[in-house]
C-alpha atoms as a PDB file:
ATOM      1  CA  MET A   1      15.675   0.261  -4.776  1.00  0.00           C
ATOM      2  CA  PHE A   2      17.042  -0.347  -1.367  1.00  0.00           C
ATOM      3  CA  ASN A   3      15.425   1.558   1.389  1.00  0.00           C
ATOM      4  CA  PHE A   4      17.027   1.533   4.916  1.00  0.00           C
ATOM      5  CA  LYS A   5      13.788   1.992   6.740  1.00  0.00           C
ATOM      6  CA  GLU A   6      12.124  -0.838   4.845  1.00  0.00           C
ATOM      7  CA  ILE A   7      15.002  -3.048   5.513  1.00  0.00           C
ATOM      8  CA  ILE A   8      14.988  -2.300   9.279  1.00  0.00           C
ATOM      9  CA  SER A   9      11.364  -3.022   9.371  1.00  0.00           C
ATOM     10  CA  VAL A  10      11.435  -6.255   7.480  1.00  0.00           C
ATOM     11  CA  THR A  11      14.398  -7.390   9.628  1.00  0.00           C
ATOM     12  CA  LEU A  12      12.531  -6.579  12.829  1.00  0.00           C
ATOM     13  CA  ILE A  13       9.459  -8.376  11.831  1.00  0.00           C
ATOM     14  CA  LEU A  14      11.209 -11.560  10.736  1.00  0.00           C
ATOM     15  CA  PHE A  15      13.164 -11.364  13.743  1.00  0.00           C
ATOM     16  CA  ALA A  16      10.129 -11.240  16.055  1.00  0.00           C
ATOM     17  CA  ILE A  17       8.543 -14.243  13.945  1.00  0.00           C
ATOM     18  CA  ILE A  18      11.434 -16.379  13.644  1.00  0.00           C
ATOM     19  CA  ASP A  19      11.979 -15.755  17.513  1.00  0.00           C
ATOM     20  CA  ILE A  20      15.272 -17.622  17.506  1.00  0.00           C
ATOM     21  CA  LEU A  21      16.091 -16.273  21.036  1.00  0.00           C
ATOM     22  CA  GLY A  22      12.769 -17.734  22.269  1.00  0.00           C
ATOM     23  CA  SER A  23      13.650 -21.045  20.726  1.00  0.00           C
ATOM     24  CA  ILE A  24      16.983 -21.272  22.582  1.00  0.00           C
ATOM     25  CA  PRO A  25      15.427 -23.777  25.046  1.00  0.00           C
ATOM     26  CA  ILE A  26      14.305 -25.957  22.115  1.00  0.00           C
ATOM     27  CA  ILE A  27      17.879 -25.584  20.430  1.00  0.00           C
ATOM     28  CA  ILE A  28      19.542 -26.575  23.656  1.00  0.00           C
ATOM     29  CA  ASN A  29      17.350 -29.728  24.105  1.00  0.00           C
ATOM     30  CA  LEU A  30      17.914 -30.636  20.432  1.00  0.00           C
ATOM     31  CA  ARG A  31      21.593 -30.225  20.870  1.00  0.00           C
ATOM     32  CA  LYS A  32      21.587 -32.403  23.867  1.00  0.00           C
ATOM     33  CA  ARG A  33      19.432 -35.096  22.263  1.00  0.00           C
ATOM     34  CA  GLU A  34      21.327 -35.103  18.756  1.00  0.00           C
ATOM     35  CA  GLY A  35      24.964 -34.313  20.172  1.00  0.00           C
ATOM     36  CA  VAL A  36      25.541 -31.557  17.776  1.00  0.00           C
ATOM     37  CA  ILE A  37      23.550 -28.867  15.697  1.00  0.00           C
ATOM     38  CA  GLN A  38      24.840 -28.439  12.135  1.00  0.00           C
ATOM     39  CA  SER A  39      24.449 -24.568  12.110  1.00  0.00           C
ATOM     40  CA  GLU A  40      25.448 -24.194   8.500  1.00  0.00           C
ATOM     41  CA  LYS A  41      23.044 -26.791   7.184  1.00  0.00           C
ATOM     42  CA  ALA A  42      20.001 -25.295   9.198  1.00  0.00           C
ATOM     43  CA  THR A  43      20.793 -21.951   8.153  1.00  0.00           C
ATOM     44  CA  ILE A  44      21.126 -22.712   4.608  1.00  0.00           C
ATOM     45  CA  ILE A  45      17.898 -24.940   4.363  1.00  0.00           C
ATOM     46  CA  SER A  46      16.129 -22.120   6.242  1.00  0.00           C
ATOM     47  CA  GLY A  47      17.246 -19.521   3.640  1.00  0.00           C
ATOM     48  CA  ILE A  48      16.350 -21.738   0.652  1.00  0.00           C
ATOM     49  CA  LEU A  49      12.771 -22.164   2.185  1.00  0.00           C
ATOM     50  CA  MET A  50      12.290 -18.451   2.976  1.00  0.00           C
ATOM     51  CA  ILE A  51      13.416 -17.400  -0.502  1.00  0.00           C
ATOM     52  CA  ALA A  52      11.547 -20.038  -2.247  1.00  0.00           C
ATOM     53  CA  PHE A  53       8.284 -19.291  -0.444  1.00  0.00           C
ATOM     54  CA  LEU A  54       8.850 -15.612  -0.938  1.00  0.00           C
ATOM     55  CA  PHE A  55       8.835 -15.916  -4.840  1.00  0.00           C
ATOM     56  CA  VAL A  56       6.422 -19.140  -5.242  1.00  0.00           C
ATOM     57  CA  GLY A  57       4.087 -18.500  -2.442  1.00  0.00           C
ATOM     58  CA  ASP A  58       2.044 -16.043  -4.703  1.00  0.00           C
ATOM     59  CA  GLY A  59       1.798 -18.699  -7.511  1.00  0.00           C
ATOM     60  CA  ILE A  60       0.425 -21.167  -4.802  1.00  0.00           C
ATOM     61  CA  LEU A  61      -2.116 -18.743  -3.660  1.00  0.00           C
ATOM     62  CA  LYS A  62      -3.197 -18.166  -7.358  1.00  0.00           C
ATOM     63  CA  LEU A  63      -3.338 -21.969  -7.789  1.00  0.00           C
ATOM     64  CA  PHE A  64      -5.980 -22.143  -5.142  1.00  0.00           C
ATOM     65  CA  GLY A  65      -7.743 -19.095  -6.156  1.00  0.00           C
ATOM     66  CA  ILE A  66      -7.029 -17.073  -2.950  1.00  0.00           C
ATOM     67  CA  ASP A  67      -6.393 -13.303  -3.186  1.00  0.00           C
ATOM     68  CA  PHE A  68      -3.574 -11.835  -1.298  1.00  0.00           C
ATOM     69  CA  GLN A  69      -5.713  -9.632   0.970  1.00  0.00           C
ATOM     70  CA  SER A  70      -7.412 -12.884   2.275  1.00  0.00           C
ATOM     71  CA  PHE A  71      -4.204 -14.593   2.836  1.00  0.00           C
ATOM     72  CA  ALA A  72      -2.581 -11.567   4.389  1.00  0.00           C
ATOM     73  CA  MET A  73      -5.522 -11.076   6.813  1.00  0.00           C
ATOM     74  CA  ALA A  74      -5.214 -14.993   7.605  1.00  0.00           C
ATOM     75  CA  GLY A  75      -1.550 -14.486   8.077  1.00  0.00           C
ATOM     76  CA  ALA A  76      -2.293 -11.577  10.612  1.00  0.00           C
ATOM     77  CA  ILE A  77      -4.512 -13.785  12.626  1.00  0.00           C
ATOM     78  CA  ILE A  78      -1.664 -16.463  12.759  1.00  0.00           C
ATOM     79  CA  ILE A  79       0.776 -13.788  13.894  1.00  0.00           C
ATOM     80  CA  PHE A  80      -1.678 -12.698  16.521  1.00  0.00           C
ATOM     81  CA  ILE A  81      -1.990 -16.256  17.760  1.00  0.00           C
ATOM     82  CA  ILE A  82       1.760 -16.574  17.826  1.00  0.00           C
ATOM     83  CA  GLY A  83       2.178 -13.342  19.822  1.00  0.00           C
ATOM     84  CA  LEU A  84      -0.395 -14.698  22.288  1.00  0.00           C
ATOM     85  CA  GLU A  85       1.432 -18.014  22.762  1.00  0.00           C
ATOM     86  CA  MET A  86       4.532 -15.893  23.388  1.00  0.00           C
ATOM     87  CA  ILE A  87       2.891 -13.764  26.028  1.00  0.00           C
ATOM     88  CA  LEU A  88       0.658 -16.272  27.644  1.00  0.00           C
ATOM     89  CA  GLY A  89       3.142 -19.255  27.649  1.00  0.00           C
ATOM     90  CA  LYS A  90       0.479 -21.530  25.925  1.00  0.00           C
ATOM     91  CA  ASP A  91       1.044 -23.583  22.786  1.00  0.00           C
ATOM     92  CA  PHE A  92      -1.762 -23.292  20.215  1.00  0.00           C
ATOM     93  CA  PHE A  93       0.556 -24.719  17.426  1.00  0.00           C
ATOM     94  CA  HIS A  94       2.104 -28.045  18.259  1.00  0.00           C
ATOM     95  CA  THR A  95       5.155 -29.921  16.820  1.00  0.00           C
ATOM     96  CA  ASP A  96       6.136 -33.434  17.466  1.00  0.00           C
ATOM     97  CA  PRO A  97       8.858 -33.495  20.152  1.00  0.00           C
ATOM     98  CA  GLU A  98       9.882 -37.080  19.316  1.00  0.00           C
ATOM     99  CA  ILE A  99      11.031 -36.566  15.882  1.00  0.00           C
ATOM    100  CA  LYS A 100      14.787 -37.152  15.836  1.00  0.00           C
ATOM    101  CA  SER A 101      15.782 -35.820  12.470  1.00  0.00           C
ATOM    102  CA  GLY A 102      18.301 -32.920  13.614  1.00  0.00           C
ATOM    103  CA  SER A 103      19.208 -29.726  12.060  1.00  0.00           C
ATOM    104  CA  ILE A 104      16.466 -29.876   9.241  1.00  0.00           C
ATOM    105  CA  VAL A 105      13.287 -30.950  11.093  1.00  0.00           C
ATOM    106  CA  PRO A 106      12.569 -29.659  13.533  1.00  0.00           C
ATOM    107  CA  LEU A 107      15.116 -26.965  13.462  1.00  0.00           C
ATOM    108  CA  ALA A 108      15.068 -25.494   9.862  1.00  0.00           C
ATOM    109  CA  PHE A 109      11.377 -26.377   9.600  1.00  0.00           C
ATOM    110  CA  PRO A 110       9.161 -25.626  11.417  1.00  0.00           C
ATOM    111  CA  LEU A 111      11.248 -23.852  14.062  1.00  0.00           C
ATOM    112  CA  ILE A 112      12.902 -21.316  11.900  1.00  0.00           C
ATOM    113  CA  VAL A 113      10.838 -21.366   8.960  1.00  0.00           C
ATOM    114  CA  GLY A 114       7.327 -22.338  10.051  1.00  0.00           C
ATOM    115  CA  ALA A 115       3.891 -21.293   9.172  1.00  0.00           C
ATOM    116  CA  GLY A 116       4.190 -17.868  10.755  1.00  0.00           C
ATOM    117  CA  THR A 117       7.459 -17.137   8.836  1.00  0.00           C
ATOM    118  CA  MET A 118       5.933 -18.245   5.562  1.00  0.00           C
ATOM    119  CA  THR A 119       2.744 -16.127   6.108  1.00  0.00           C
ATOM    120  CA  THR A 120       4.806 -13.321   7.090  1.00  0.00           C
ATOM    121  CA  LEU A 121       6.866 -13.540   3.983  1.00  0.00           C
ATOM    122  CA  LEU A 122       3.887 -13.159   1.808  1.00  0.00           C
ATOM    123  CA  SER A 123       2.195 -10.429   3.917  1.00  0.00           C
ATOM    124  CA  LEU A 124       5.703  -8.468   3.654  1.00  0.00           C
ATOM    125  CA  ARG A 125       5.656  -8.861  -0.044  1.00  0.00           C
ATOM    126  CA  ALA A 126       2.225  -6.669  -0.215  1.00  0.00           C
ATOM    127  CA  ALA A 127       3.937  -3.920   1.895  1.00  0.00           C
ATOM    128  CA  TYR A 128       7.686  -3.896   1.018  1.00  0.00           C
ATOM    129  CA  SER A 129       9.996  -4.263  -2.094  1.00  0.00           C
ATOM    130  CA  VAL A 130      11.408  -7.776  -2.886  1.00  0.00           C
ATOM    131  CA  PRO A 131      15.181  -6.544  -2.571  1.00  0.00           C
ATOM    132  CA  ASN A 132      14.447  -5.015   0.930  1.00  0.00           C
ATOM    133  CA  ILE A 133      12.885  -8.335   1.953  1.00  0.00           C
ATOM    134  CA  LEU A 134      15.828 -10.405   0.693  1.00  0.00           C
ATOM    135  CA  VAL A 135      18.098  -8.288   2.751  1.00  0.00           C
ATOM    136  CA  GLY A 136      15.908  -8.656   5.842  1.00  0.00           C
ATOM    137  CA  ILE A 137      15.996 -12.567   5.324  1.00  0.00           C
ATOM    138  CA  ILE A 138      19.739 -12.348   5.002  1.00  0.00           C
ATOM    139  CA  LEU A 139      20.180 -10.400   7.941  1.00  0.00           C
ATOM    140  CA  ASN A 140      18.033 -12.655   9.956  1.00  0.00           C
ATOM    141  CA  LEU A 141      19.792 -15.698   8.683  1.00  0.00           C
ATOM    142  CA  LEU A 142      23.072 -14.392   9.844  1.00  0.00           C
ATOM    143  CA  PHE A 143      21.570 -13.815  13.423  1.00  0.00           C
ATOM    144  CA  VAL A 144      20.053 -17.372  13.384  1.00  0.00           C
ATOM    145  CA  TYR A 145      23.480 -18.772  12.401  1.00  0.00           C
ATOM    146  CA  ILE A 146      25.283 -16.865  15.299  1.00  0.00           C
ATOM    147  CA  VAL A 147      22.654 -17.862  17.671  1.00  0.00           C
ATOM    148  CA  LEU A 148      22.977 -21.668  16.664  1.00  0.00           C
ATOM    149  CA  LYS A 149      26.786 -21.463  16.930  1.00  0.00           C
ATOM    150  CA  ALA A 150      26.669 -19.706  20.249  1.00  0.00           C
ATOM    151  CA  SER A 151      23.786 -21.621  21.944  1.00  0.00           C
ATOM    152  CA  PRO A 152      26.002 -23.318  24.609  1.00  0.00           C
ATOM    153  CA  TRP A 153      27.364 -19.809  25.606  1.00  0.00           C
ATOM    154  CA  ILE A 154      23.847 -18.329  25.445  1.00  0.00           C
ATOM    155  CA  GLU A 155      22.376 -20.952  27.625  1.00  0.00           C
ATOM    156  CA  LYS A 156      24.805 -19.963  30.375  1.00  0.00           C
ATOM    157  CA  ARG A 157      24.379 -16.197  30.110  1.00  0.00           C
ATOM    158  CA  LEU A 158      20.616 -15.732  29.368  1.00  0.00           C
ATOM    159  CA  GLY A 159      19.122 -18.247  31.844  1.00  0.00           C
ATOM    160  CA  LYS A 160      15.421 -19.032  31.989  1.00  0.00           C
ATOM    161  CA  ALA A 161      14.205 -15.817  33.460  1.00  0.00           C
ATOM    162  CA  GLY A 162      15.942 -13.777  30.717  1.00  0.00           C
ATOM    163  CA  ALA A 163      14.577 -15.898  27.942  1.00  0.00           C
ATOM    164  CA  ASP A 164      10.935 -15.502  29.337  1.00  0.00           C
ATOM    165  CA  VAL A 165      11.350 -11.778  29.270  1.00  0.00           C
ATOM    166  CA  LEU A 166      12.569 -11.705  25.643  1.00  0.00           C
ATOM    167  CA  ARG A 167       9.830 -14.059  24.674  1.00  0.00           C
ATOM    168  CA  LYS A 168       7.043 -11.760  26.225  1.00  0.00           C
ATOM    169  CA  VAL A 169       8.451  -8.573  24.920  1.00  0.00           C
ATOM    170  CA  PHE A 170       8.507 -10.061  21.248  1.00  0.00           C
ATOM    171  CA  GLY A 171       4.883 -11.206  21.827  1.00  0.00           C
ATOM    172  CA  VAL A 172       3.753  -7.803  22.332  1.00  0.00           C
ATOM    173  CA  ILE A 173       5.514  -6.642  19.150  1.00  0.00           C
ATOM    174  CA  LEU A 174       4.039  -9.560  17.167  1.00  0.00           C
ATOM    175  CA  LEU A 175       0.396  -8.565  18.330  1.00  0.00           C
ATOM    176  CA  ALA A 176       1.111  -4.957  17.117  1.00  0.00           C
ATOM    177  CA  ILE A 177       2.302  -6.260  13.672  1.00  0.00           C
ATOM    178  CA  ALA A 178      -0.685  -8.492  13.412  1.00  0.00           C
ATOM    179  CA  ILE A 179      -2.983  -5.483  14.098  1.00  0.00           C
ATOM    180  CA  LYS A 180      -1.093  -3.400  11.560  1.00  0.00           C
ATOM    181  CA  LEU A 181      -1.264  -6.011   8.751  1.00  0.00           C
ATOM    182  CA  PHE A 182      -5.114  -6.714   9.573  1.00  0.00           C
ATOM    183  CA  LYS A 183      -5.860  -2.947   9.298  1.00  0.00           C
ATOM    184  CA  SER A 184      -3.833  -2.409   6.227  1.00  0.00           C
ATOM    185  CA  ASN A 185      -5.551  -5.299   4.415  1.00  0.00           C
ATOM    186  CA  LEU A 186      -9.158  -4.368   5.320  1.00  0.00           C
ATOM    187  CA  PRO A 187     -11.368  -3.736   2.151  1.00  0.00           C
ATOM    188  CA  VAL A 188     -11.961  -0.072   1.730  1.00  0.00           C
END
């Protein structure tokens, strides 16, 4: 049932997609604007969104008559574009920076659980068992919580150059993941 290798793979894939370290500058700006970040609330809402989409995402696809391979290939393209964003420093997906709703929007959604995370969860479901995906989600949520709580400390230690390096490294990892997902869902 539980497979350590699958758990590590799922955890790393979700870690790269969520990119909580790359989001630290946004988290810091949000904390300055809102005064406080409700780490517990943002983490719990993110977890509910991820787990719900993991289980109902398939039903949504069936409702629209979309087969999983097509969705997985679309997800691979989205992941590829997100990887390009991270490497090139260009924004292809935009969010409204003027929204002032705090820890749920834009932090839990779409920053932590955005289109890339949702697409990735459905793609992971095709390749990994659900219990291993759930463990990967929980491990990522723990890390997200720690980062949210420690964002002031991280801001001082990481600096802009460190955040840029992390973002580019995870961008390359995402490109490789996207290519793997695309190849594994090609029709035979």
